[in-house]
Amino acid sequence: VVKGIEYAFFPAASGHYEAQYLIDSAPPVISNILATPNTNGTCLITWDTDESADSRVDFGADANVLSDTASDPTSVTQHAVLLTGLQSGATYYFRVSSEDGSGNALTSPAA
């Protein structure tokens, strides 16, 4: 694995070979964002990306100030982040972000 891309090895005749690498400049596409609140002061935020990426949720009680963060550095396509310490009956706003292995990131609008 080189820069997050798996390569295969195969027998080849001796000689000169040249490898060309494409530059990944596209951020992961975020879809299927879902918030599942629980009665115990937690909320599970899930979403999908079209390529492996990390997971981050910024959240807070004010849509303009999302000062709390929960994250997972694991590179996956199906994301799940549990928010904890939430007040029962309160309204919270959040946005999800994912960054791929090439440093391309995308953030959803606040929901």
C-alpha atoms as a PDB file:
ATOM      1  CA  VAL A   1       0.000   0.000   0.000  1.00  0.00           C
ATOM      2  CA  VAL A   2       1.424   3.363  -1.066  1.00  0.00           C
ATOM      3  CA  LYS A   3      -0.359   6.588  -0.066  1.00  0.00           C
ATOM      4  CA  GLY A   4      -3.523   4.622   0.747  1.00  0.00           C
ATOM      5  CA  ILE A   5      -3.669   2.864  -2.636  1.00  0.00           C
ATOM      6  CA  GLU A   6      -3.267  -0.901  -2.888  1.00  0.00           C
ATOM      7  CA  TYR A   7      -0.960  -2.184  -5.601  1.00  0.00           C
ATOM      8  CA  ALA A   8      -0.574  -5.706  -6.979  1.00  0.00           C
ATOM      9  CA  PHE A   9       2.725  -7.380  -7.777  1.00  0.00           C
ATOM     10  CA  PHE A  10       3.178  -9.686 -10.727  1.00  0.00           C
ATOM     11  CA  PRO A  11       6.075 -11.362 -12.549  1.00  0.00           C
ATOM     12  CA  ALA A  12       7.632  -9.211 -15.291  1.00  0.00           C
ATOM     13  CA  ALA A  13      10.631  -9.430 -17.580  1.00  0.00           C
ATOM     14  CA  SER A  14      13.734  -7.464 -16.634  1.00  0.00           C
ATOM     15  CA  GLY A  15      13.760  -3.980 -18.052  1.00  0.00           C
ATOM     16  CA  HIS A  16      12.984  -0.341 -17.455  1.00  0.00           C
ATOM     17  CA  TYR A  17       9.535   0.526 -16.137  1.00  0.00           C
ATOM     18  CA  GLU A  18       7.976   3.845 -15.218  1.00  0.00           C
ATOM     19  CA  ALA A  19       5.188   4.327 -12.712  1.00  0.00           C
ATOM     20  CA  GLN A  20       2.781   7.245 -13.048  1.00  0.00           C
ATOM     21  CA  TYR A  21       0.604   8.376 -10.197  1.00  0.00           C
ATOM     22  CA  LEU A  22      -2.559  10.405 -10.503  1.00  0.00           C
ATOM     23  CA  ILE A  23      -2.957  13.268  -8.073  1.00  0.00           C
ATOM     24  CA  ASP A  24      -6.051  12.895  -5.900  1.00  0.00           C
ATOM     25  CA  SER A  25      -7.495  16.392  -5.611  1.00  0.00           C
ATOM     26  CA  ALA A  26     -11.154  15.469  -5.060  1.00  0.00           C
ATOM     27  CA  PRO A  27     -12.628  15.451  -1.568  1.00  0.00           C
ATOM     28  CA  PRO A  28     -14.831  12.566  -0.448  1.00  0.00           C
ATOM     29  CA  VAL A  29     -18.505  12.921  -1.333  1.00  0.00           C
ATOM     30  CA  ILE A  30     -20.665  12.933   1.817  1.00  0.00           C
ATOM     31  CA  SER A  31     -24.156  11.392   1.681  1.00  0.00           C
ATOM     32  CA  ASN A  32     -26.870   9.794   3.835  1.00  0.00           C
ATOM     33  CA  ILE A  33     -26.322  11.965   6.921  1.00  0.00           C
ATOM     34  CA  LEU A  34     -28.514  10.750   9.769  1.00  0.00           C
ATOM     35  CA  ALA A  35     -28.841  11.826  13.420  1.00  0.00           C
ATOM     36  CA  THR A  36     -30.312   9.277  15.839  1.00  0.00           C
ATOM     37  CA  PRO A  37     -30.938  10.846  19.278  1.00  0.00           C
ATOM     38  CA  ASN A  38     -31.081   8.596  22.335  1.00  0.00           C
ATOM     39  CA  THR A  39     -32.796   9.177  25.691  1.00  0.00           C
ATOM     40  CA  ASN A  40     -29.493   8.837  27.606  1.00  0.00           C
ATOM     41  CA  GLY A  41     -27.992  12.178  26.478  1.00  0.00           C
ATOM     42  CA  THR A  42     -26.240  10.786  23.399  1.00  0.00           C
ATOM     43  CA  CYS A  43     -26.841  11.061  19.666  1.00  0.00           C
ATOM     44  CA  LEU A  44     -25.395   8.814  16.965  1.00  0.00           C
ATOM     45  CA  ILE A  45     -24.429  10.676  13.775  1.00  0.00           C
ATOM     46  CA  THR A  46     -23.872   8.479  10.708  1.00  0.00           C
ATOM     47  CA  TRP A  47     -22.990   9.196   7.089  1.00  0.00           C
ATOM     48  CA  ASP A  48     -21.349   7.654   4.032  1.00  0.00           C
ATOM     49  CA  THR A  49     -18.463   8.750   1.820  1.00  0.00           C
ATOM     50  CA  ASP A  50     -17.536   7.535  -1.648  1.00  0.00           C
ATOM     51  CA  GLU A  51     -13.933   6.849  -0.556  1.00  0.00           C
ATOM     52  CA  SER A  52     -12.161   6.000   2.685  1.00  0.00           C
ATOM     53  CA  ALA A  53     -11.876   9.022   4.959  1.00  0.00           C
ATOM     54  CA  ASP A  54     -11.819  10.014   8.625  1.00  0.00           C
ATOM     55  CA  SER A  55     -14.865  11.166  10.626  1.00  0.00           C
ATOM     56  CA  ARG A  56     -15.501  14.436  12.450  1.00  0.00           C
ATOM     57  CA  VAL A  57     -18.648  16.042  13.849  1.00  0.00           C
ATOM     58  CA  ASP A  58     -18.720  19.647  15.067  1.00  0.00           C
ATOM     59  CA  PHE A  59     -21.789  20.387  17.184  1.00  0.00           C
ATOM     60  CA  GLY A  60     -23.339  22.826  19.610  1.00  0.00           C
ATOM     61  CA  ALA A  61     -26.544  24.492  20.808  1.00  0.00           C
ATOM     62  CA  ASP A  62     -26.012  27.512  18.499  1.00  0.00           C
ATOM     63  CA  ALA A  63     -25.964  26.905  14.725  1.00  0.00           C
ATOM     64  CA  ASN A  64     -23.351  29.669  14.331  1.00  0.00           C
ATOM     65  CA  VAL A  65     -21.043  28.371  17.084  1.00  0.00           C
ATOM     66  CA  LEU A  66     -20.368  24.632  16.781  1.00  0.00           C
ATOM     67  CA  SER A  67     -17.693  24.575  19.465  1.00  0.00           C
ATOM     68  CA  ASP A  68     -17.797  20.891  20.464  1.00  0.00           C
ATOM     69  CA  THR A  69     -16.137  18.167  18.402  1.00  0.00           C
ATOM     70  CA  ALA A  70     -16.238  14.369  18.280  1.00  0.00           C
ATOM     71  CA  SER A  71     -14.052  12.485  15.828  1.00  0.00           C
ATOM     72  CA  ASP A  72     -12.572   9.175  14.735  1.00  0.00           C
ATOM     73  CA  PRO A  73      -9.318   9.066  12.714  1.00  0.00           C
ATOM     74  CA  THR A  74     -10.105   5.624  11.257  1.00  0.00           C
ATOM     75  CA  SER A  75     -10.367   5.719   7.462  1.00  0.00           C
ATOM     76  CA  VAL A  76     -13.770   4.240   6.483  1.00  0.00           C
ATOM     77  CA  THR A  77     -16.651   4.786   4.033  1.00  0.00           C
ATOM     78  CA  GLN A  78     -19.444   4.204   6.572  1.00  0.00           C
ATOM     79  CA  HIS A  79     -19.038   6.698   9.404  1.00  0.00           C
ATOM     80  CA  ALA A  80     -20.524   6.637  12.909  1.00  0.00           C
ATOM     81  CA  VAL A  81     -19.711   9.153  15.649  1.00  0.00           C
ATOM     82  CA  LEU A  82     -21.426   9.169  19.043  1.00  0.00           C
ATOM     83  CA  LEU A  83     -22.068  12.573  20.623  1.00  0.00           C
ATOM     84  CA  THR A  84     -22.235  12.456  24.427  1.00  0.00           C
ATOM     85  CA  GLY A  85     -23.158  14.793  27.284  1.00  0.00           C
ATOM     86  CA  LEU A  86     -26.192  16.281  25.526  1.00  0.00           C
ATOM     87  CA  GLN A  87     -29.054  17.909  27.458  1.00  0.00           C
ATOM     88  CA  SER A  88     -32.411  16.152  27.151  1.00  0.00           C
ATOM     89  CA  GLY A  89     -34.989  18.210  25.252  1.00  0.00           C
ATOM     90  CA  ALA A  90     -32.419  20.721  23.924  1.00  0.00           C
ATOM     91  CA  THR A  91     -31.852  21.483  20.244  1.00  0.00           C
ATOM     92  CA  TYR A  92     -28.364  20.836  18.867  1.00  0.00           C
ATOM     93  CA  TYR A  93     -26.858  21.648  15.492  1.00  0.00           C
ATOM     94  CA  PHE A  94     -24.088  19.698  13.808  1.00  0.00           C
ATOM     95  CA  ARG A  95     -22.010  19.359  10.665  1.00  0.00           C
ATOM     96  CA  VAL A  96     -19.974  16.385   9.513  1.00  0.00           C
ATOM     97  CA  SER A  97     -16.536  16.447   7.891  1.00  0.00           C
ATOM     98  CA  SER A  98     -14.399  13.805   6.251  1.00  0.00           C
ATOM     99  CA  GLU A  99     -10.827  14.010   4.971  1.00  0.00           C
ATOM    100  CA  ASP A 100      -9.271  11.401   2.688  1.00  0.00           C
ATOM    101  CA  GLY A 101      -5.684  10.120   2.807  1.00  0.00           C
ATOM    102  CA  SER A 102      -4.556  12.821   0.342  1.00  0.00           C
ATOM    103  CA  GLY A 103      -5.718  15.638   2.599  1.00  0.00           C
ATOM    104  CA  ASN A 104      -8.865  16.490   0.618  1.00  0.00           C
ATOM    105  CA  ALA A 105     -11.693  17.413   2.993  1.00  0.00           C
ATOM    106  CA  LEU A 106     -15.391  18.171   2.690  1.00  0.00           C
ATOM    107  CA  THR A 107     -17.728  19.570   5.349  1.00  0.00           C
ATOM    108  CA  SER A 108     -21.514  19.383   5.204  1.00  0.00           C
ATOM    109  CA  PRO A 109     -23.646  22.439   5.976  1.00  0.00           C
ATOM    110  CA  ALA A 110     -24.858  22.684   9.578  1.00  0.00           C
ATOM    111  CA  ALA A 111     -28.045  20.694  10.259  1.00  0.00           C
END
